[in-house]
Amino acid sequence: MGEQARIGIIGCGIIGKGGHLRRYLNNPDAKVVAVADIKEDRAKEAAEMAGGAAWYTDYHELLRREDVQGVSICTPHPLHAEPAIAAANAGKAILCEKPMCLTVKEANAMIEAVKRNKVKFQMGYQTHFSPSMQTTKKLI
């Protein structure tokens, strides 16, 4: 095993805590070092689940951490653009839940920030690889 990727999770609701965090905990190549959610109780619970990760109610504080290499953006989808742009500006790799954002203007701003800061960006279209979707694809 090589060096673990040090991850921050922005948004600790169902997708952040139940999806991304759970999967990072099962991945020996990743370590969640910080979480952020506007609801303090959710941030604290996710931090505890992550084995004592740092927690914040302001994701900008998470992005200031030098040990965070990448972030999962797991906020409600109308709120993806702002933290993704801030993460790119902070030099963090980004995994953004679907949908990317609400408008073409937001998408263009996100893409520009990613290009300008030369960071990696990936959309989380995990259902494309689920057994049910693969079966559907074969049937079509």
N, C-alpha and C. Protein backbone atom coordinates (compact mmCIF):
# COMPACT_ATOMS: atom_id res chain seq x y z
N MET A 1 0.84 -1.18 0.00
CA MET A 1 0.00 0.00 0.00
C MET A 1 0.88 1.24 0.00
N GLY A 2 0.54 2.19 -0.89
CA GLY A 2 1.28 3.44 -0.95
C GLY A 2 0.73 4.43 0.05
N GLU A 3 1.11 5.68 -0.15
CA GLU A 3 0.63 6.75 0.73
C GLU A 3 -0.88 6.92 0.57
N GLN A 4 -1.58 7.09 1.68
CA GLN A 4 -3.01 7.29 1.64
C GLN A 4 -3.36 8.70 1.15
N ALA A 5 -4.37 8.79 0.31
CA ALA A 5 -4.91 10.09 -0.09
C ALA A 5 -5.63 10.68 1.12
N ARG A 6 -5.39 11.94 1.40
CA ARG A 6 -6.00 12.61 2.55
C ARG A 6 -7.19 13.43 2.06
N ILE A 7 -8.38 13.04 2.52
CA ILE A 7 -9.64 13.52 1.96
C ILE A 7 -10.41 14.39 2.95
N GLY A 8 -11.10 15.38 2.40
CA GLY A 8 -12.07 16.16 3.16
C GLY A 8 -13.44 15.96 2.52
N ILE A 9 -14.46 15.89 3.33
CA ILE A 9 -15.83 15.74 2.82
C ILE A 9 -16.61 17.00 3.16
N ILE A 10 -17.19 17.61 2.13
CA ILE A 10 -18.00 18.82 2.30
C ILE A 10 -19.45 18.42 2.10
N GLY A 11 -20.20 18.43 3.18
CA GLY A 11 -21.59 17.98 3.17
C GLY A 11 -21.68 16.60 3.80
N CYS A 12 -22.23 16.52 5.00
CA CYS A 12 -22.25 15.26 5.75
C CYS A 12 -23.65 14.69 5.93
N GLY A 13 -24.50 14.90 4.94
CA GLY A 13 -25.83 14.32 4.96
C GLY A 13 -25.79 12.88 4.49
N ILE A 14 -26.88 12.42 3.92
CA ILE A 14 -27.01 11.02 3.51
C ILE A 14 -25.92 10.61 2.52
N ILE A 15 -25.66 11.43 1.52
CA ILE A 15 -24.67 11.07 0.50
C ILE A 15 -23.25 11.20 1.06
N GLY A 16 -22.97 12.26 1.77
CA GLY A 16 -21.64 12.47 2.31
C GLY A 16 -21.24 11.44 3.35
N LYS A 17 -22.13 11.25 4.32
CA LYS A 17 -21.82 10.35 5.43
C LYS A 17 -22.13 8.90 5.07
N GLY A 18 -23.27 8.66 4.49
CA GLY A 18 -23.68 7.29 4.20
C GLY A 18 -23.06 6.72 2.95
N GLY A 19 -22.66 7.58 2.03
CA GLY A 19 -22.07 7.12 0.78
C GLY A 19 -20.57 7.29 0.75
N HIS A 20 -20.12 8.53 0.57
CA HIS A 20 -18.69 8.79 0.40
C HIS A 20 -17.87 8.37 1.61
N LEU A 21 -18.26 8.81 2.80
CA LEU A 21 -17.47 8.49 3.99
C LEU A 21 -17.36 6.97 4.18
N ARG A 22 -18.47 6.28 4.08
CA ARG A 22 -18.45 4.82 4.24
C ARG A 22 -17.48 4.17 3.27
N ARG A 23 -17.49 4.64 2.04
CA ARG A 23 -16.61 4.03 1.04
C ARG A 23 -15.15 4.40 1.27
N TYR A 24 -14.88 5.63 1.68
CA TYR A 24 -13.50 5.98 2.01
C TYR A 24 -12.98 5.13 3.17
N LEU A 25 -13.85 4.87 4.16
CA LEU A 25 -13.43 4.06 5.31
C LEU A 25 -13.08 2.64 4.90
N ASN A 26 -13.65 2.16 3.81
CA ASN A 26 -13.36 0.82 3.31
C ASN A 26 -12.23 0.79 2.30
N ASN A 27 -11.62 1.93 2.04
CA ASN A 27 -10.56 2.03 1.05
C ASN A 27 -9.22 2.24 1.76
N PRO A 28 -8.33 1.27 1.73
CA PRO A 28 -7.05 1.42 2.43
C PRO A 28 -6.16 2.51 1.84
N ASP A 29 -6.49 3.00 0.66
CA ASP A 29 -5.68 4.04 0.03
C ASP A 29 -6.18 5.45 0.33
N ALA A 30 -7.21 5.57 1.18
CA ALA A 30 -7.77 6.88 1.50
C ALA A 30 -7.95 7.03 3.00
N LYS A 31 -7.83 8.27 3.47
CA LYS A 31 -8.07 8.59 4.87
C LYS A 31 -8.83 9.91 4.93
N VAL A 32 -10.00 9.91 5.56
CA VAL A 32 -10.76 11.14 5.74
C VAL A 32 -10.16 11.87 6.93
N VAL A 33 -9.60 13.05 6.67
CA VAL A 33 -8.95 13.82 7.74
C VAL A 33 -9.79 14.99 8.22
N ALA A 34 -10.80 15.38 7.44
CA ALA A 34 -11.64 16.51 7.83
C ALA A 34 -12.99 16.42 7.14
N VAL A 35 -14.01 16.94 7.83
CA VAL A 35 -15.37 16.99 7.29
C VAL A 35 -15.96 18.36 7.59
N ALA A 36 -16.94 18.76 6.78
CA ALA A 36 -17.62 20.03 7.01
C ALA A 36 -19.09 19.90 6.66
N ASP A 37 -19.91 20.50 7.50
CA ASP A 37 -21.34 20.56 7.25
C ASP A 37 -21.88 21.77 8.00
N ILE A 38 -22.88 22.44 7.45
CA ILE A 38 -23.43 23.60 8.13
C ILE A 38 -24.16 23.22 9.42
N LYS A 39 -24.53 21.95 9.53
CA LYS A 39 -25.16 21.46 10.76
C LYS A 39 -24.08 20.80 11.62
N GLU A 40 -23.79 21.42 12.75
CA GLU A 40 -22.71 20.96 13.62
C GLU A 40 -22.86 19.50 14.03
N ASP A 41 -24.07 19.06 14.36
CA ASP A 41 -24.26 17.68 14.80
C ASP A 41 -23.89 16.68 13.71
N ARG A 42 -24.21 17.01 12.46
CA ARG A 42 -23.86 16.11 11.36
C ARG A 42 -22.34 16.08 11.15
N ALA A 43 -21.70 17.24 11.25
CA ALA A 43 -20.25 17.29 11.10
C ALA A 43 -19.56 16.49 12.20
N LYS A 44 -20.01 16.66 13.42
CA LYS A 44 -19.41 15.93 14.54
C LYS A 44 -19.61 14.42 14.38
N GLU A 45 -20.80 14.00 13.99
CA GLU A 45 -21.08 12.57 13.81
C GLU A 45 -20.20 11.98 12.71
N ALA A 46 -20.07 12.69 11.60
CA ALA A 46 -19.22 12.21 10.51
C ALA A 46 -17.76 12.15 10.94
N ALA A 47 -17.30 13.14 11.68
CA ALA A 47 -15.92 13.16 12.16
C ALA A 47 -15.65 11.96 13.07
N GLU A 48 -16.61 11.66 13.92
CA GLU A 48 -16.48 10.51 14.81
C GLU A 48 -16.44 9.21 14.00
N MET A 49 -17.33 9.09 13.01
CA MET A 49 -17.34 7.90 12.15
C MET A 49 -16.01 7.74 11.44
N ALA A 50 -15.36 8.86 11.12
CA ALA A 50 -14.09 8.83 10.40
C ALA A 50 -12.91 8.59 11.33
N GLY A 51 -13.18 8.29 12.58
CA GLY A 51 -12.09 7.98 13.50
C GLY A 51 -11.46 9.19 14.13
N GLY A 52 -12.22 10.24 14.28
CA GLY A 52 -11.68 11.43 14.93
C GLY A 52 -11.15 12.47 13.97
N ALA A 53 -11.72 12.53 12.77
CA ALA A 53 -11.32 13.57 11.81
C ALA A 53 -11.69 14.94 12.37
N ALA A 54 -11.05 15.97 11.87
CA ALA A 54 -11.41 17.34 12.24
C ALA A 54 -12.77 17.65 11.63
N TRP A 55 -13.55 18.51 12.28
CA TRP A 55 -14.85 18.87 11.73
C TRP A 55 -15.02 20.39 11.76
N TYR A 56 -15.81 20.86 10.81
CA TYR A 56 -16.04 22.29 10.65
C TYR A 56 -17.49 22.54 10.24
N THR A 57 -18.00 23.72 10.55
CA THR A 57 -19.30 24.12 10.04
C THR A 57 -19.13 25.09 8.87
N ASP A 58 -17.89 25.43 8.56
CA ASP A 58 -17.57 26.28 7.41
C ASP A 58 -16.53 25.54 6.56
N TYR A 59 -16.93 25.16 5.36
CA TYR A 59 -16.02 24.37 4.52
C TYR A 59 -14.75 25.13 4.13
N HIS A 60 -14.77 26.45 4.19
CA HIS A 60 -13.56 27.22 3.88
C HIS A 60 -12.43 26.87 4.86
N GLU A 61 -12.77 26.58 6.11
CA GLU A 61 -11.76 26.18 7.09
C GLU A 61 -11.15 24.84 6.69
N LEU A 62 -11.97 23.92 6.24
CA LEU A 62 -11.48 22.62 5.77
C LEU A 62 -10.52 22.84 4.60
N LEU A 63 -10.89 23.71 3.68
CA LEU A 63 -10.06 23.94 2.48
C LEU A 63 -8.72 24.60 2.81
N ARG A 64 -8.61 25.26 3.94
CA ARG A 64 -7.34 25.88 4.34
C ARG A 64 -6.34 24.86 4.88
N ARG A 65 -6.79 23.67 5.16
CA ARG A 65 -5.90 22.64 5.71
C ARG A 65 -4.93 22.15 4.63
N GLU A 66 -3.66 22.19 4.94
CA GLU A 66 -2.65 21.75 3.98
C GLU A 66 -2.66 20.23 3.81
N ASP A 67 -3.13 19.50 4.81
CA ASP A 67 -3.11 18.04 4.72
C ASP A 67 -4.26 17.48 3.90
N VAL A 68 -5.24 18.29 3.54
CA VAL A 68 -6.34 17.83 2.69
C VAL A 68 -5.90 17.92 1.23
N GLN A 69 -5.81 16.77 0.57
CA GLN A 69 -5.39 16.74 -0.82
C GLN A 69 -6.57 16.82 -1.79
N GLY A 70 -7.69 16.27 -1.37
CA GLY A 70 -8.85 16.25 -2.23
C GLY A 70 -10.12 16.29 -1.41
N VAL A 71 -11.21 16.68 -2.08
CA VAL A 71 -12.49 16.78 -1.38
C VAL A 71 -13.59 16.08 -2.17
N SER A 72 -14.55 15.57 -1.42
CA SER A 72 -15.81 15.11 -1.99
C SER A 72 -16.82 16.21 -1.73
N ILE A 73 -17.45 16.71 -2.79
CA ILE A 73 -18.51 17.72 -2.65
C ILE A 73 -19.83 16.95 -2.58
N CYS A 74 -20.43 16.93 -1.39
CA CYS A 74 -21.64 16.14 -1.15
C CYS A 74 -22.78 17.01 -0.62
N THR A 75 -22.74 18.27 -0.93
CA THR A 75 -23.80 19.19 -0.53
C THR A 75 -25.02 18.93 -1.41
N PRO A 76 -26.18 19.48 -1.06
CA PRO A 76 -27.32 19.38 -1.98
C PRO A 76 -26.92 19.96 -3.35
N HIS A 77 -27.46 19.38 -4.42
CA HIS A 77 -26.96 19.74 -5.76
C HIS A 77 -27.06 21.23 -6.11
N PRO A 78 -28.02 22.01 -5.59
CA PRO A 78 -27.98 23.43 -5.92
C PRO A 78 -26.76 24.15 -5.31
N LEU A 79 -26.06 23.45 -4.42
CA LEU A 79 -24.93 24.06 -3.71
C LEU A 79 -23.59 23.43 -4.07
N HIS A 80 -23.45 22.87 -5.24
CA HIS A 80 -22.19 22.25 -5.66
C HIS A 80 -21.17 23.27 -6.17
N ALA A 81 -21.60 24.26 -6.91
CA ALA A 81 -20.68 25.15 -7.61
C ALA A 81 -19.75 25.91 -6.67
N GLU A 82 -20.29 26.57 -5.68
CA GLU A 82 -19.46 27.41 -4.82
C GLU A 82 -18.35 26.66 -4.10
N PRO A 83 -18.65 25.53 -3.42
CA PRO A 83 -17.54 24.82 -2.78
C PRO A 83 -16.58 24.18 -3.78
N ALA A 84 -17.06 23.78 -4.95
CA ALA A 84 -16.16 23.21 -5.96
C ALA A 84 -15.18 24.27 -6.46
N ILE A 85 -15.67 25.46 -6.72
CA ILE A 85 -14.78 26.55 -7.17
C ILE A 85 -13.79 26.90 -6.06
N ALA A 86 -14.27 26.97 -4.83
CA ALA A 86 -13.37 27.28 -3.71
C ALA A 86 -12.32 26.19 -3.54
N ALA A 87 -12.72 24.94 -3.71
CA ALA A 87 -11.76 23.83 -3.59
C ALA A 87 -10.71 23.91 -4.69
N ALA A 88 -11.13 24.19 -5.91
CA ALA A 88 -10.17 24.34 -7.01
C ALA A 88 -9.20 25.47 -6.72
N ASN A 89 -9.73 26.59 -6.24
CA ASN A 89 -8.87 27.73 -5.91
C ASN A 89 -7.91 27.42 -4.77
N ALA A 90 -8.27 26.45 -3.92
CA ALA A 90 -7.40 26.03 -2.83
C ALA A 90 -6.44 24.94 -3.26
N GLY A 91 -6.51 24.52 -4.53
CA GLY A 91 -5.58 23.53 -5.05
C GLY A 91 -5.93 22.09 -4.70
N LYS A 92 -7.19 21.83 -4.40
CA LYS A 92 -7.62 20.48 -4.01
C LYS A 92 -8.21 19.73 -5.20
N ALA A 93 -7.94 18.44 -5.28
CA ALA A 93 -8.62 17.59 -6.24
C ALA A 93 -10.08 17.48 -5.80
N ILE A 94 -10.98 17.28 -6.76
CA ILE A 94 -12.41 17.34 -6.46
C ILE A 94 -13.15 16.14 -7.04
N LEU A 95 -13.97 15.51 -6.19
CA LEU A 95 -14.95 14.53 -6.62
C LEU A 95 -16.30 15.17 -6.29
N CYS A 96 -17.08 15.49 -7.30
CA CYS A 96 -18.34 16.20 -7.12
C CYS A 96 -19.51 15.26 -7.40
N GLU A 97 -20.44 15.23 -6.47
CA GLU A 97 -21.64 14.43 -6.68
C GLU A 97 -22.42 14.99 -7.86
N LYS A 98 -23.26 14.16 -8.43
CA LYS A 98 -24.11 14.58 -9.53
C LYS A 98 -25.35 15.27 -8.99
N PRO A 99 -25.99 16.07 -9.73
CA PRO A 99 -25.53 16.71 -10.97
C PRO A 99 -24.46 17.75 -10.66
N MET A 100 -23.72 18.12 -11.66
CA MET A 100 -22.60 19.04 -11.47
C MET A 100 -23.05 20.34 -10.81
N CYS A 101 -24.11 20.93 -11.34
CA CYS A 101 -24.63 22.20 -10.83
C CYS A 101 -25.95 22.48 -11.52
N LEU A 102 -26.46 23.69 -11.39
CA LEU A 102 -27.79 23.99 -11.93
C LEU A 102 -27.80 24.72 -13.26
N THR A 103 -26.72 25.46 -13.56
CA THR A 103 -26.72 26.27 -14.77
C THR A 103 -25.43 26.10 -15.56
N VAL A 104 -25.50 26.43 -16.83
CA VAL A 104 -24.31 26.41 -17.69
C VAL A 104 -23.29 27.42 -17.17
N LYS A 105 -23.75 28.55 -16.70
CA LYS A 105 -22.85 29.58 -16.15
C LYS A 105 -22.05 29.01 -14.98
N GLU A 106 -22.74 28.29 -14.07
CA GLU A 106 -22.03 27.68 -12.94
C GLU A 106 -21.05 26.62 -13.43
N ALA A 107 -21.47 25.81 -14.38
CA ALA A 107 -20.59 24.76 -14.92
C ALA A 107 -19.34 25.38 -15.53
N ASN A 108 -19.52 26.43 -16.31
CA ASN A 108 -18.37 27.09 -16.93
C ASN A 108 -17.43 27.68 -15.88
N ALA A 109 -17.99 28.24 -14.81
CA ALA A 109 -17.16 28.80 -13.73
C ALA A 109 -16.38 27.70 -13.03
N MET A 110 -17.02 26.56 -12.82
CA MET A 110 -16.34 25.43 -12.19
C MET A 110 -15.21 24.92 -13.07
N ILE A 111 -15.49 24.75 -14.36
CA ILE A 111 -14.48 24.27 -15.30
C ILE A 111 -13.31 25.24 -15.38
N GLU A 112 -13.60 26.52 -15.44
CA GLU A 112 -12.54 27.54 -15.50
C GLU A 112 -11.66 27.48 -14.26
N ALA A 113 -12.26 27.35 -13.08
CA ALA A 113 -11.48 27.28 -11.83
C ALA A 113 -10.60 26.04 -11.81
N VAL A 114 -11.12 24.92 -12.28
CA VAL A 114 -10.35 23.67 -12.33
C VAL A 114 -9.17 23.82 -13.29
N LYS A 115 -9.42 24.37 -14.47
CA LYS A 115 -8.34 24.56 -15.45
C LYS A 115 -7.30 25.56 -14.96
N ARG A 116 -7.76 26.68 -14.42
CA ARG A 116 -6.86 27.74 -13.95
C ARG A 116 -5.92 27.23 -12.85
N ASN A 117 -6.46 26.38 -11.99
CA ASN A 117 -5.68 25.89 -10.85
C ASN A 117 -5.04 24.53 -11.10
N LYS A 118 -5.27 23.97 -12.30
CA LYS A 118 -4.67 22.70 -12.70
C LYS A 118 -4.90 21.60 -11.66
N VAL A 119 -6.17 21.45 -11.25
CA VAL A 119 -6.54 20.40 -10.30
C VAL A 119 -7.38 19.35 -11.02
N LYS A 120 -7.45 18.18 -10.43
CA LYS A 120 -8.27 17.10 -10.98
C LYS A 120 -9.71 17.29 -10.54
N PHE A 121 -10.62 16.97 -11.44
CA PHE A 121 -12.05 17.09 -11.17
C PHE A 121 -12.76 15.89 -11.76
N GLN A 122 -13.62 15.28 -10.97
CA GLN A 122 -14.40 14.15 -11.47
C GLN A 122 -15.82 14.24 -10.93
N MET A 123 -16.75 13.92 -11.81
CA MET A 123 -18.15 13.83 -11.40
C MET A 123 -18.41 12.41 -10.89
N GLY A 124 -19.27 12.29 -9.88
CA GLY A 124 -19.57 10.99 -9.29
C GLY A 124 -20.77 10.33 -9.94
N TYR A 125 -20.57 9.72 -11.09
CA TYR A 125 -21.64 9.00 -11.77
C TYR A 125 -21.52 7.50 -11.46
N GLN A 126 -21.53 7.17 -10.18
CA GLN A 126 -21.31 5.80 -9.75
C GLN A 126 -22.37 4.83 -10.21
N THR A 127 -23.59 5.27 -10.43
CA THR A 127 -24.64 4.33 -10.82
C THR A 127 -24.40 3.76 -12.22
N HIS A 128 -23.56 4.40 -13.00
CA HIS A 128 -23.24 3.86 -14.33
C HIS A 128 -22.61 2.47 -14.21
N PHE A 129 -21.98 2.20 -13.08
CA PHE A 129 -21.25 0.95 -12.91
C PHE A 129 -22.00 -0.05 -12.03
N SER A 130 -23.19 0.31 -11.59
CA SER A 130 -23.94 -0.60 -10.73
C SER A 130 -24.43 -1.79 -11.57
N PRO A 131 -24.60 -2.95 -10.94
CA PRO A 131 -25.05 -4.14 -11.68
C PRO A 131 -26.37 -3.91 -12.43
N SER A 132 -27.30 -3.19 -11.82
CA SER A 132 -28.58 -2.98 -12.49
C SER A 132 -28.41 -2.13 -13.75
N MET A 133 -27.55 -1.12 -13.70
CA MET A 133 -27.33 -0.29 -14.88
C MET A 133 -26.57 -1.06 -15.96
N GLN A 134 -25.62 -1.88 -15.56
CA GLN A 134 -24.88 -2.67 -16.54
C GLN A 134 -25.81 -3.68 -17.22
N THR A 135 -26.71 -4.27 -16.47
CA THR A 135 -27.68 -5.21 -17.04
C THR A 135 -28.61 -4.48 -18.01
N THR A 136 -29.08 -3.31 -17.61
CA THR A 136 -29.94 -2.51 -18.48
C THR A 136 -29.24 -2.18 -19.78
N LYS A 137 -27.96 -1.80 -19.69
CA LYS A 137 -27.18 -1.47 -20.88
C LYS A 137 -27.08 -2.67 -21.82
N LYS A 138 -26.84 -3.85 -21.25
CA LYS A 138 -26.74 -5.06 -22.07
C LYS A 138 -28.08 -5.38 -22.74
N LEU A 139 -29.18 -5.19 -22.02
CA LEU A 139 -30.50 -5.47 -22.58
C LEU A 139 -30.86 -4.53 -23.71
N ILE A 140 -30.42 -3.29 -23.60
CA ILE A 140 -30.70 -2.30 -24.65
C ILE A 140 -29.89 -2.62 -25.87
